[in-house]
């Protein structure tokens, strides 16, 4: 991926390979708790996988297939784990901004929005995450991006589910709660619940 950074095909293939390694539903039938013990998420982070993925996102910002599940799905999976180093790597300078920029660039693509919201939700989770990531997401436009995408993709259940989860995790910070209210987050959540009233998720 480093050698062929300009090739969208290579970046898509590389990110998909890493995602397959990092996603238990693709490569392993064991429970997530057992999968985490293998250490694969930590290893991908330690070997520069996060930096490679973020570089691909920035280099191929307009390529929605690069931005879609291959990159953000991988970031979401790595952020889901409890490795503090991975949370620091993903939350590092310019990386949250890359997610937010990609969501804006491909705001009409539901797959991109679902995985973008999921990545932000996992980064902001209350367990195992760097609490500063919540502040960074709020400061770099992540709250606004999540709420706007929820409004734009009201019928897309997965976008709504991950958007609500992102807002829930971000709301653990008092400054973020003010931003969520100011950006119309309460209205977005209520609209989501009405639209998907038959969905227990």
N, C-alpha and C. Protein backbone atom coordinates (compact mmCIF):
# COMPACT_ATOMS: atom_id res chain seq x y z
N UNK A 1 0.83 -1.20 0.00
CA UNK A 1 0.00 0.00 0.00
C UNK A 1 0.87 1.26 0.00
N UNK A 2 1.98 1.23 0.72
CA UNK A 2 2.88 2.38 0.73
C UNK A 2 3.55 2.57 -0.62
N UNK A 3 3.94 1.48 -1.24
CA UNK A 3 4.65 1.53 -2.53
C UNK A 3 3.75 2.02 -3.65
N UNK A 4 2.46 1.69 -3.59
CA UNK A 4 1.54 2.01 -4.68
C UNK A 4 0.41 2.90 -4.18
N UNK A 5 0.78 3.96 -3.48
CA UNK A 5 -0.20 4.85 -2.90
C UNK A 5 -1.11 5.54 -3.90
N UNK A 6 -0.64 5.72 -5.13
CA UNK A 6 -1.44 6.42 -6.14
C UNK A 6 -2.45 5.53 -6.83
N UNK A 7 -2.36 4.23 -6.62
CA UNK A 7 -3.26 3.29 -7.30
C UNK A 7 -4.48 2.99 -6.44
N UNK A 8 -5.65 3.44 -6.91
CA UNK A 8 -6.89 3.18 -6.19
C UNK A 8 -7.17 1.69 -6.09
N UNK A 9 -6.87 0.94 -7.14
CA UNK A 9 -7.14 -0.50 -7.12
C UNK A 9 -6.31 -1.20 -6.05
N UNK A 10 -5.05 -0.82 -5.97
CA UNK A 10 -4.17 -1.43 -4.97
C UNK A 10 -4.63 -1.06 -3.56
N UNK A 11 -5.01 0.21 -3.37
CA UNK A 11 -5.46 0.64 -2.04
C UNK A 11 -6.75 -0.04 -1.62
N UNK A 12 -7.68 -0.19 -2.56
CA UNK A 12 -8.93 -0.90 -2.24
C UNK A 12 -8.65 -2.34 -1.84
N UNK A 13 -7.77 -3.00 -2.62
CA UNK A 13 -7.46 -4.40 -2.33
C UNK A 13 -6.74 -4.54 -0.99
N UNK A 14 -5.80 -3.63 -0.73
CA UNK A 14 -5.05 -3.68 0.52
C UNK A 14 -5.94 -3.45 1.72
N UNK A 15 -6.81 -2.44 1.61
CA UNK A 15 -7.71 -2.15 2.73
C UNK A 15 -8.69 -3.28 2.97
N UNK A 16 -9.17 -3.89 1.90
CA UNK A 16 -10.10 -5.00 2.04
C UNK A 16 -9.42 -6.20 2.69
N UNK A 17 -8.14 -6.44 2.33
CA UNK A 17 -7.40 -7.54 2.94
C UNK A 17 -7.23 -7.30 4.45
N UNK A 18 -6.88 -6.07 4.82
CA UNK A 18 -6.72 -5.76 6.24
C UNK A 18 -8.05 -5.85 6.97
N UNK A 19 -9.12 -5.39 6.31
CA UNK A 19 -10.44 -5.46 6.95
C UNK A 19 -10.84 -6.92 7.18
N UNK A 20 -10.55 -7.78 6.22
CA UNK A 20 -10.90 -9.19 6.37
C UNK A 20 -10.16 -9.81 7.55
N UNK A 21 -8.91 -9.39 7.75
CA UNK A 21 -8.14 -9.88 8.89
C UNK A 21 -8.68 -9.33 10.21
N UNK A 22 -9.20 -8.10 10.15
CA UNK A 22 -9.62 -7.42 11.37
C UNK A 22 -11.08 -7.60 11.71
N UNK A 23 -11.83 -8.28 10.86
CA UNK A 23 -13.27 -8.43 11.09
C UNK A 23 -13.61 -9.88 11.35
N UNK A 24 -14.01 -10.24 12.56
CA UNK A 24 -14.30 -11.64 12.88
C UNK A 24 -15.42 -12.25 12.06
N UNK A 25 -16.36 -11.41 11.61
CA UNK A 25 -17.48 -11.97 10.85
C UNK A 25 -17.02 -12.43 9.47
N UNK A 26 -15.87 -11.94 8.99
CA UNK A 26 -15.33 -12.36 7.71
C UNK A 26 -14.41 -13.57 7.84
N UNK A 27 -13.53 -13.53 8.84
CA UNK A 27 -12.44 -14.49 8.86
C UNK A 27 -12.45 -15.44 10.04
N UNK A 28 -13.38 -15.30 10.95
CA UNK A 28 -13.36 -16.13 12.15
C UNK A 28 -14.78 -16.26 12.70
N UNK A 29 -15.14 -17.44 13.11
CA UNK A 29 -16.49 -17.69 13.60
C UNK A 29 -16.59 -17.62 15.13
N UNK A 30 -15.47 -17.35 15.79
CA UNK A 30 -15.49 -17.27 17.24
C UNK A 30 -16.12 -15.96 17.70
N UNK A 31 -16.57 -15.90 18.97
CA UNK A 31 -17.08 -14.64 19.51
C UNK A 31 -16.02 -13.55 19.43
N UNK A 32 -16.47 -12.29 19.38
CA UNK A 32 -15.53 -11.18 19.29
C UNK A 32 -14.53 -11.19 20.44
N UNK A 33 -15.01 -11.53 21.66
CA UNK A 33 -14.11 -11.54 22.82
C UNK A 33 -12.95 -12.51 22.62
N UNK A 34 -13.22 -13.65 21.98
CA UNK A 34 -12.17 -14.61 21.71
C UNK A 34 -11.27 -14.13 20.57
N UNK A 35 -11.88 -13.48 19.60
CA UNK A 35 -11.12 -12.98 18.45
C UNK A 35 -10.11 -11.93 18.89
N UNK A 36 -10.51 -11.06 19.84
CA UNK A 36 -9.63 -10.00 20.32
C UNK A 36 -8.35 -10.58 20.91
N UNK A 37 -8.46 -11.75 21.55
CA UNK A 37 -7.31 -12.37 22.20
C UNK A 37 -6.22 -12.75 21.20
N UNK A 38 -6.55 -12.86 19.92
CA UNK A 38 -5.54 -13.21 18.92
C UNK A 38 -4.54 -12.08 18.74
N UNK A 39 -4.93 -10.87 19.12
CA UNK A 39 -4.02 -9.74 19.01
C UNK A 39 -3.90 -9.15 17.62
N UNK A 40 -4.77 -9.56 16.68
CA UNK A 40 -4.63 -9.10 15.29
C UNK A 40 -4.87 -7.60 15.18
N UNK A 41 -5.82 -7.04 15.93
CA UNK A 41 -6.08 -5.59 15.85
C UNK A 41 -4.85 -4.81 16.29
N UNK A 42 -4.23 -5.24 17.38
CA UNK A 42 -3.03 -4.56 17.87
C UNK A 42 -1.89 -4.68 16.87
N UNK A 43 -1.78 -5.85 16.26
CA UNK A 43 -0.68 -6.06 15.31
C UNK A 43 -0.84 -5.18 14.08
N UNK A 44 -2.06 -5.08 13.56
CA UNK A 44 -2.29 -4.21 12.38
C UNK A 44 -1.92 -2.77 12.71
N UNK A 45 -2.32 -2.32 13.90
CA UNK A 45 -1.97 -0.96 14.31
C UNK A 45 -0.47 -0.77 14.47
N UNK A 46 0.19 -1.73 15.11
CA UNK A 46 1.63 -1.62 15.37
C UNK A 46 2.45 -1.66 14.09
N UNK A 47 1.97 -2.33 13.07
CA UNK A 47 2.71 -2.47 11.81
C UNK A 47 2.42 -1.35 10.81
N UNK A 48 1.68 -0.33 11.23
CA UNK A 48 1.44 0.79 10.35
C UNK A 48 0.17 0.70 9.52
N UNK A 49 -0.71 -0.24 9.86
CA UNK A 49 -1.94 -0.41 9.08
C UNK A 49 -2.86 0.80 9.14
N UNK A 50 -2.95 1.43 10.31
CA UNK A 50 -3.84 2.58 10.45
C UNK A 50 -3.34 3.74 9.60
N UNK A 51 -2.03 3.99 9.66
CA UNK A 51 -1.46 5.07 8.86
C UNK A 51 -1.66 4.83 7.36
N UNK A 52 -1.53 3.57 6.94
CA UNK A 52 -1.71 3.24 5.52
C UNK A 52 -3.14 3.48 5.08
N UNK A 53 -4.09 3.11 5.93
CA UNK A 53 -5.51 3.29 5.60
C UNK A 53 -5.86 4.78 5.52
N UNK A 54 -5.41 5.55 6.50
CA UNK A 54 -5.71 6.98 6.49
C UNK A 54 -5.06 7.66 5.28
N UNK A 55 -3.86 7.24 4.92
CA UNK A 55 -3.19 7.80 3.74
C UNK A 55 -4.01 7.50 2.49
N UNK A 56 -4.56 6.29 2.40
CA UNK A 56 -5.39 5.93 1.25
C UNK A 56 -6.65 6.78 1.21
N UNK A 57 -7.26 7.03 2.37
CA UNK A 57 -8.46 7.85 2.44
C UNK A 57 -8.19 9.27 1.94
N UNK A 58 -7.03 9.82 2.32
CA UNK A 58 -6.70 11.19 1.92
C UNK A 58 -6.32 11.26 0.44
N UNK A 59 -5.54 10.29 -0.02
CA UNK A 59 -5.08 10.28 -1.41
C UNK A 59 -6.22 10.05 -2.39
N UNK A 60 -7.20 9.24 -1.97
CA UNK A 60 -8.30 8.85 -2.86
C UNK A 60 -9.63 9.34 -2.29
N UNK A 61 -9.63 10.60 -1.91
CA UNK A 61 -10.79 11.21 -1.24
C UNK A 61 -12.06 11.13 -2.07
N UNK A 62 -11.94 11.23 -3.39
CA UNK A 62 -13.11 11.24 -4.26
C UNK A 62 -13.53 9.85 -4.72
N UNK A 63 -12.75 8.86 -4.40
CA UNK A 63 -13.05 7.48 -4.78
C UNK A 63 -13.89 6.84 -3.68
N UNK A 64 -15.20 6.76 -3.90
CA UNK A 64 -16.08 6.30 -2.83
C UNK A 64 -15.86 4.84 -2.50
N UNK A 65 -15.33 4.05 -3.45
CA UNK A 65 -15.06 2.65 -3.15
C UNK A 65 -13.89 2.50 -2.18
N UNK A 66 -12.93 3.42 -2.24
CA UNK A 66 -11.85 3.43 -1.25
C UNK A 66 -12.39 3.92 0.09
N UNK A 67 -13.22 4.96 0.04
CA UNK A 67 -13.75 5.55 1.27
C UNK A 67 -14.75 4.64 1.97
N UNK A 68 -15.39 3.81 1.22
CA UNK A 68 -16.52 3.03 1.72
C UNK A 68 -16.09 2.06 2.82
N UNK A 69 -16.59 0.83 2.80
CA UNK A 69 -16.39 -0.11 3.91
C UNK A 69 -14.95 -0.56 4.04
N UNK A 70 -14.19 -0.59 2.93
CA UNK A 70 -12.84 -1.12 3.02
C UNK A 70 -12.00 -0.32 4.01
N UNK A 71 -12.08 1.02 3.93
CA UNK A 71 -11.27 1.85 4.81
C UNK A 71 -11.95 2.09 6.14
N UNK A 72 -13.15 2.60 6.12
CA UNK A 72 -13.82 2.97 7.36
C UNK A 72 -14.25 1.76 8.15
N UNK A 73 -14.62 0.69 7.44
CA UNK A 73 -14.95 -0.54 8.15
C UNK A 73 -13.76 -1.03 8.95
N UNK A 74 -12.56 -0.90 8.35
CA UNK A 74 -11.35 -1.31 9.04
C UNK A 74 -11.08 -0.41 10.24
N UNK A 75 -11.18 0.92 10.05
CA UNK A 75 -10.97 1.84 11.17
C UNK A 75 -11.99 1.57 12.28
N UNK A 76 -13.23 1.30 11.88
CA UNK A 76 -14.27 1.03 12.88
C UNK A 76 -13.94 -0.22 13.69
N UNK A 77 -13.44 -1.25 13.01
CA UNK A 77 -13.09 -2.48 13.71
C UNK A 77 -11.91 -2.26 14.65
N UNK A 78 -10.88 -1.53 14.18
CA UNK A 78 -9.71 -1.29 15.01
C UNK A 78 -10.05 -0.41 16.20
N UNK A 79 -10.98 0.54 15.99
CA UNK A 79 -11.40 1.41 17.09
C UNK A 79 -12.28 0.66 18.09
N UNK A 80 -12.84 -0.45 17.66
CA UNK A 80 -13.73 -1.22 18.52
C UNK A 80 -12.96 -1.94 19.62
N UNK A 81 -11.70 -2.26 19.37
CA UNK A 81 -10.91 -2.99 20.34
C UNK A 81 -10.48 -2.13 21.51
N UNK A 82 -9.79 -2.74 22.45
CA UNK A 82 -9.41 -2.04 23.68
C UNK A 82 -7.95 -1.60 23.68
N UNK A 83 -7.26 -1.73 22.54
CA UNK A 83 -5.86 -1.33 22.47
C UNK A 83 -5.76 0.19 22.51
N UNK A 84 -5.24 0.77 23.59
CA UNK A 84 -5.17 2.23 23.69
C UNK A 84 -4.29 2.85 22.62
N UNK A 85 -3.28 2.11 22.16
CA UNK A 85 -2.40 2.64 21.12
C UNK A 85 -3.15 2.83 19.81
N UNK A 86 -4.05 1.92 19.50
CA UNK A 86 -4.84 2.07 18.28
C UNK A 86 -5.77 3.27 18.37
N UNK A 87 -6.35 3.50 19.53
CA UNK A 87 -7.22 4.66 19.71
C UNK A 87 -6.43 5.96 19.54
N UNK A 88 -5.21 5.97 20.04
CA UNK A 88 -4.37 7.15 19.89
C UNK A 88 -3.97 7.34 18.43
N UNK A 89 -3.67 6.23 17.75
CA UNK A 89 -3.28 6.33 16.34
C UNK A 89 -4.42 6.85 15.48
N UNK A 90 -5.61 6.30 15.68
CA UNK A 90 -6.75 6.71 14.86
C UNK A 90 -7.17 8.14 15.20
N UNK A 91 -7.09 8.49 16.48
CA UNK A 91 -7.49 9.83 16.89
C UNK A 91 -6.42 10.88 16.66
N UNK A 92 -5.28 10.48 16.11
CA UNK A 92 -4.17 11.40 15.91
C UNK A 92 -4.46 12.49 14.89
N UNK A 93 -3.51 13.38 14.76
CA UNK A 93 -3.67 14.57 13.95
C UNK A 93 -4.14 14.26 12.53
N UNK A 94 -5.26 14.84 12.16
CA UNK A 94 -5.76 14.76 10.79
C UNK A 94 -6.57 13.52 10.46
N UNK A 95 -6.65 12.57 11.37
CA UNK A 95 -7.30 11.31 11.02
C UNK A 95 -8.81 11.37 11.21
N UNK A 96 -9.26 11.99 12.28
CA UNK A 96 -10.70 12.20 12.43
C UNK A 96 -11.18 13.14 11.33
N UNK A 97 -10.38 14.13 11.03
CA UNK A 97 -10.72 15.07 9.95
C UNK A 97 -10.88 14.34 8.62
N UNK A 98 -10.05 13.32 8.37
CA UNK A 98 -10.14 12.55 7.13
C UNK A 98 -11.48 11.83 7.05
N UNK A 99 -11.95 11.29 8.16
CA UNK A 99 -13.25 10.61 8.19
C UNK A 99 -14.37 11.60 7.92
N UNK A 100 -14.33 12.75 8.61
CA UNK A 100 -15.37 13.76 8.45
C UNK A 100 -15.39 14.30 7.03
N UNK A 101 -14.21 14.56 6.46
CA UNK A 101 -14.13 15.06 5.08
C UNK A 101 -14.69 14.05 4.09
N UNK A 102 -14.37 12.78 4.32
CA UNK A 102 -14.88 11.74 3.42
C UNK A 102 -16.39 11.62 3.50
N UNK A 103 -16.95 11.77 4.70
CA UNK A 103 -18.41 11.72 4.84
C UNK A 103 -19.06 12.87 4.08
N UNK A 104 -18.43 14.03 4.12
CA UNK A 104 -18.98 15.18 3.40
C UNK A 104 -18.84 15.00 1.89
N UNK A 105 -17.69 14.50 1.46
CA UNK A 105 -17.44 14.31 0.02
C UNK A 105 -18.42 13.33 -0.59
N UNK A 106 -18.79 12.30 0.17
CA UNK A 106 -19.67 11.24 -0.35
C UNK A 106 -20.97 11.21 0.46
N UNK A 107 -21.53 12.39 0.69
CA UNK A 107 -22.69 12.51 1.57
C UNK A 107 -23.94 11.82 1.04
N UNK A 108 -23.98 11.51 -0.25
CA UNK A 108 -25.15 10.84 -0.81
C UNK A 108 -25.03 9.32 -0.82
N UNK A 109 -23.87 8.81 -0.42
CA UNK A 109 -23.63 7.36 -0.45
C UNK A 109 -23.86 6.77 0.93
N UNK A 110 -24.94 6.01 1.07
CA UNK A 110 -25.33 5.47 2.37
C UNK A 110 -24.28 4.56 2.99
N UNK A 111 -23.61 3.73 2.18
CA UNK A 111 -22.58 2.83 2.72
C UNK A 111 -21.47 3.62 3.41
N UNK A 112 -21.05 4.71 2.77
CA UNK A 112 -19.99 5.54 3.33
C UNK A 112 -20.44 6.15 4.65
N UNK A 113 -21.67 6.63 4.70
CA UNK A 113 -22.18 7.27 5.91
C UNK A 113 -22.31 6.28 7.06
N UNK A 114 -22.78 5.08 6.74
CA UNK A 114 -22.91 4.05 7.77
C UNK A 114 -21.56 3.74 8.42
N UNK A 115 -20.55 3.51 7.58
CA UNK A 115 -19.25 3.15 8.12
C UNK A 115 -18.55 4.34 8.77
N UNK A 116 -18.79 5.56 8.24
CA UNK A 116 -18.23 6.74 8.87
C UNK A 116 -18.79 6.94 10.27
N UNK A 117 -20.10 6.80 10.40
CA UNK A 117 -20.73 6.93 11.73
C UNK A 117 -20.24 5.83 12.66
N UNK A 118 -20.06 4.63 12.13
CA UNK A 118 -19.60 3.52 12.96
C UNK A 118 -18.18 3.76 13.46
N UNK A 119 -17.32 4.27 12.58
CA UNK A 119 -15.95 4.56 12.98
C UNK A 119 -15.92 5.61 14.09
N UNK A 120 -16.71 6.68 13.93
CA UNK A 120 -16.75 7.73 14.96
C UNK A 120 -17.36 7.21 16.26
N UNK A 121 -18.39 6.35 16.14
CA UNK A 121 -19.01 5.78 17.34
C UNK A 121 -18.01 4.93 18.12
N UNK A 122 -17.24 4.12 17.42
CA UNK A 122 -16.27 3.27 18.09
C UNK A 122 -15.13 4.08 18.71
N UNK A 123 -14.71 5.13 18.02
CA UNK A 123 -13.65 5.98 18.56
C UNK A 123 -14.10 6.69 19.83
N UNK A 124 -15.41 7.00 19.90
CA UNK A 124 -15.95 7.74 21.04
C UNK A 124 -16.51 6.84 22.13
N UNK A 125 -16.36 5.53 21.99
CA UNK A 125 -16.96 4.62 22.96
C UNK A 125 -16.40 4.87 24.34
N UNK A 126 -17.21 4.57 25.35
CA UNK A 126 -16.84 4.89 26.72
C UNK A 126 -15.86 3.90 27.32
N UNK A 127 -15.74 2.71 26.73
CA UNK A 127 -14.87 1.69 27.29
C UNK A 127 -13.66 1.47 26.39
N UNK A 128 -12.46 1.64 26.95
CA UNK A 128 -11.23 1.33 26.23
C UNK A 128 -10.76 2.42 25.29
N UNK A 129 -11.51 3.49 25.13
CA UNK A 129 -11.15 4.53 24.19
C UNK A 129 -10.43 5.67 24.88
N UNK A 130 -9.64 6.41 24.11
CA UNK A 130 -9.02 7.63 24.61
C UNK A 130 -10.12 8.69 24.74
N UNK A 131 -10.42 9.18 25.96
CA UNK A 131 -11.51 10.15 26.12
C UNK A 131 -11.30 11.43 25.32
N UNK A 132 -10.04 11.74 24.99
CA UNK A 132 -9.78 12.92 24.18
C UNK A 132 -10.34 12.80 22.77
N UNK A 133 -10.55 11.56 22.32
CA UNK A 133 -11.12 11.37 20.99
C UNK A 133 -12.51 11.99 20.88
N UNK A 134 -13.28 11.94 21.97
CA UNK A 134 -14.61 12.55 21.95
C UNK A 134 -14.50 14.05 21.70
N UNK A 135 -13.56 14.67 22.38
CA UNK A 135 -13.35 16.11 22.21
C UNK A 135 -12.89 16.42 20.79
N UNK A 136 -11.99 15.59 20.27
CA UNK A 136 -11.47 15.82 18.92
C UNK A 136 -12.58 15.68 17.88
N UNK A 137 -13.42 14.68 18.04
CA UNK A 137 -14.53 14.48 17.10
C UNK A 137 -15.45 15.68 17.11
N UNK A 138 -15.76 16.17 18.31
CA UNK A 138 -16.62 17.35 18.41
C UNK A 138 -15.97 18.58 17.81
N UNK A 139 -14.67 18.74 18.05
CA UNK A 139 -13.95 19.92 17.57
C UNK A 139 -13.74 19.91 16.06
N UNK A 140 -13.68 18.71 15.47
CA UNK A 140 -13.36 18.61 14.05
C UNK A 140 -14.59 18.37 13.18
N UNK A 141 -15.77 18.66 13.72
CA UNK A 141 -16.98 18.61 12.90
C UNK A 141 -17.67 17.27 12.84
N UNK A 142 -17.25 16.32 13.67
CA UNK A 142 -17.84 14.99 13.62
C UNK A 142 -19.29 14.95 14.06
N UNK A 143 -19.65 15.75 15.06
CA UNK A 143 -21.04 15.78 15.53
C UNK A 143 -21.95 16.31 14.44
N UNK A 144 -21.55 17.40 13.84
CA UNK A 144 -22.35 17.98 12.75
C UNK A 144 -22.49 16.99 11.61
N UNK A 145 -21.40 16.30 11.25
CA UNK A 145 -21.44 15.35 10.15
C UNK A 145 -22.41 14.21 10.43
N UNK A 146 -22.37 13.66 11.64
CA UNK A 146 -23.26 12.55 11.99
C UNK A 146 -24.72 12.99 11.91
N UNK A 147 -25.05 14.14 12.47
CA UNK A 147 -26.44 14.60 12.49
C UNK A 147 -26.94 14.92 11.09
N UNK A 148 -26.11 15.55 10.29
CA UNK A 148 -26.52 15.87 8.92
C UNK A 148 -26.76 14.61 8.10
N UNK A 149 -25.93 13.59 8.31
CA UNK A 149 -26.10 12.34 7.56
C UNK A 149 -27.34 11.58 8.04
N UNK A 150 -27.64 11.67 9.32
CA UNK A 150 -28.87 11.06 9.82
C UNK A 150 -30.10 11.72 9.19
N UNK A 151 -30.05 13.02 9.05
CA UNK A 151 -31.16 13.74 8.44
C UNK A 151 -31.30 13.39 6.96
N UNK A 152 -30.17 13.25 6.29
CA UNK A 152 -30.19 13.01 4.84
C UNK A 152 -30.54 11.57 4.49
N UNK A 153 -30.27 10.63 5.39
CA UNK A 153 -30.49 9.20 5.12
C UNK A 153 -31.48 8.63 6.14
N UNK A 154 -32.60 9.30 6.29
CA UNK A 154 -33.58 8.91 7.30
C UNK A 154 -34.12 7.51 7.13
N UNK A 155 -34.22 7.03 5.89
CA UNK A 155 -34.79 5.70 5.64
C UNK A 155 -33.75 4.59 5.77
N UNK A 156 -32.49 4.93 5.87
CA UNK A 156 -31.41 3.94 5.92
C UNK A 156 -31.19 3.55 7.38
N UNK A 157 -31.70 2.39 7.76
CA UNK A 157 -31.70 1.98 9.17
C UNK A 157 -30.30 1.89 9.76
N UNK A 158 -29.34 1.38 8.98
CA UNK A 158 -27.99 1.20 9.51
C UNK A 158 -27.30 2.55 9.77
N UNK A 159 -27.57 3.52 8.91
CA UNK A 159 -27.01 4.86 9.15
C UNK A 159 -27.60 5.43 10.44
N UNK A 160 -28.90 5.25 10.63
CA UNK A 160 -29.56 5.75 11.83
C UNK A 160 -29.04 5.07 13.09
N UNK A 161 -28.88 3.77 13.02
CA UNK A 161 -28.40 3.01 14.18
C UNK A 161 -27.00 3.46 14.58
N UNK A 162 -26.08 3.53 13.60
CA UNK A 162 -24.71 3.92 13.91
C UNK A 162 -24.63 5.40 14.28
N UNK A 163 -25.48 6.22 13.67
CA UNK A 163 -25.52 7.64 14.03
C UNK A 163 -25.96 7.84 15.47
N UNK A 164 -26.99 7.13 15.88
CA UNK A 164 -27.45 7.22 17.27
C UNK A 164 -26.38 6.73 18.23
N UNK A 165 -25.70 5.66 17.86
CA UNK A 165 -24.64 5.13 18.72
C UNK A 165 -23.50 6.13 18.85
N UNK A 166 -23.17 6.81 17.74
CA UNK A 166 -22.12 7.82 17.78
C UNK A 166 -22.52 8.97 18.72
N UNK A 167 -23.76 9.43 18.60
CA UNK A 167 -24.22 10.53 19.45
C UNK A 167 -24.26 10.11 20.92
N UNK A 168 -24.68 8.88 21.17
CA UNK A 168 -24.69 8.36 22.54
C UNK A 168 -23.29 8.42 23.15
N UNK A 169 -22.30 7.92 22.41
CA UNK A 169 -20.94 7.89 22.94
C UNK A 169 -20.34 9.29 23.06
N UNK A 170 -20.64 10.15 22.11
CA UNK A 170 -20.11 11.51 22.15
C UNK A 170 -20.73 12.32 23.29
N UNK A 171 -21.95 11.98 23.65
CA UNK A 171 -22.67 12.73 24.69
C UNK A 171 -22.12 12.49 26.09
N UNK A 172 -21.12 11.62 26.22
CA UNK A 172 -20.47 11.44 27.53
C UNK A 172 -19.67 12.68 27.92
N UNK A 173 -19.48 13.59 26.97
CA UNK A 173 -18.76 14.83 27.23
C UNK A 173 -19.74 16.00 27.26
N UNK A 174 -19.66 16.85 28.29
CA UNK A 174 -20.65 17.92 28.46
C UNK A 174 -20.61 18.94 27.31
N UNK A 175 -19.41 19.27 26.82
CA UNK A 175 -19.32 20.22 25.70
C UNK A 175 -19.96 19.64 24.45
N UNK A 176 -19.80 18.34 24.26
CA UNK A 176 -20.41 17.69 23.10
C UNK A 176 -21.94 17.68 23.21
N UNK A 177 -22.45 17.53 24.42
CA UNK A 177 -23.90 17.54 24.58
C UNK A 177 -24.50 18.86 24.11
N UNK A 178 -23.81 19.95 24.40
CA UNK A 178 -24.28 21.26 23.93
C UNK A 178 -24.25 21.32 22.40
N UNK A 179 -23.20 20.79 21.81
CA UNK A 179 -23.07 20.80 20.35
C UNK A 179 -24.15 19.93 19.71
N UNK A 180 -24.44 18.80 20.32
CA UNK A 180 -25.47 17.90 19.78
C UNK A 180 -26.82 18.58 19.79
N UNK A 181 -27.15 19.24 20.88
CA UNK A 181 -28.43 19.95 20.95
C UNK A 181 -28.49 21.08 19.93
N UNK A 182 -27.40 21.85 19.84
CA UNK A 182 -27.37 23.00 18.94
C UNK A 182 -27.45 22.59 17.47
N UNK A 183 -26.93 21.42 17.14
CA UNK A 183 -26.91 20.96 15.75
C UNK A 183 -28.18 20.20 15.35
N UNK A 184 -29.13 20.08 16.28
CA UNK A 184 -30.37 19.38 15.95
C UNK A 184 -30.33 17.90 16.22
N UNK A 185 -29.46 17.49 17.12
CA UNK A 185 -29.33 16.06 17.40
C UNK A 185 -30.56 15.44 18.04
N UNK A 186 -31.22 16.18 18.92
CA UNK A 186 -32.43 15.65 19.56
C UNK A 186 -33.49 15.38 18.51
N UNK A 187 -33.68 16.34 17.63
CA UNK A 187 -34.69 16.17 16.56
C UNK A 187 -34.34 15.01 15.64
N UNK A 188 -33.04 14.84 15.35
CA UNK A 188 -32.62 13.75 14.47
C UNK A 188 -32.90 12.39 15.10
N UNK A 189 -32.64 12.27 16.40
CA UNK A 189 -32.88 10.99 17.08
C UNK A 189 -34.38 10.68 17.15
N UNK A 190 -35.19 11.70 17.46
CA UNK A 190 -36.63 11.49 17.54
C UNK A 190 -37.18 11.09 16.16
N UNK A 191 -36.71 11.76 15.11
CA UNK A 191 -37.16 11.43 13.75
C UNK A 191 -36.77 10.01 13.38
N UNK A 192 -35.57 9.61 13.81
CA UNK A 192 -35.10 8.25 13.56
C UNK A 192 -36.00 7.23 14.24
N UNK A 193 -36.37 7.47 15.48
CA UNK A 193 -37.20 6.53 16.22
C UNK A 193 -38.58 6.42 15.61
N UNK A 194 -39.10 7.51 15.10
CA UNK A 194 -40.42 7.48 14.45
C UNK A 194 -40.36 6.74 13.12
N UNK A 195 -39.30 7.00 12.36
CA UNK A 195 -39.15 6.37 11.04
C UNK A 195 -38.97 4.87 11.15
N UNK A 196 -38.27 4.44 12.21
CA UNK A 196 -37.93 3.01 12.35
C UNK A 196 -38.55 2.45 13.62
N UNK A 197 -39.80 2.76 13.84
CA UNK A 197 -40.48 2.35 15.07
C UNK A 197 -40.67 0.86 15.19
N UNK A 198 -40.53 0.12 14.09
CA UNK A 198 -40.69 -1.34 14.12
C UNK A 198 -39.34 -2.04 14.38
N UNK A 199 -38.26 -1.28 14.39
CA UNK A 199 -36.93 -1.87 14.56
C UNK A 199 -36.49 -1.80 16.02
N UNK A 200 -36.27 -2.95 16.64
CA UNK A 200 -35.80 -2.99 18.01
C UNK A 200 -34.40 -2.43 18.15
N UNK A 201 -33.56 -2.61 17.10
CA UNK A 201 -32.19 -2.09 17.13
C UNK A 201 -32.19 -0.59 17.20
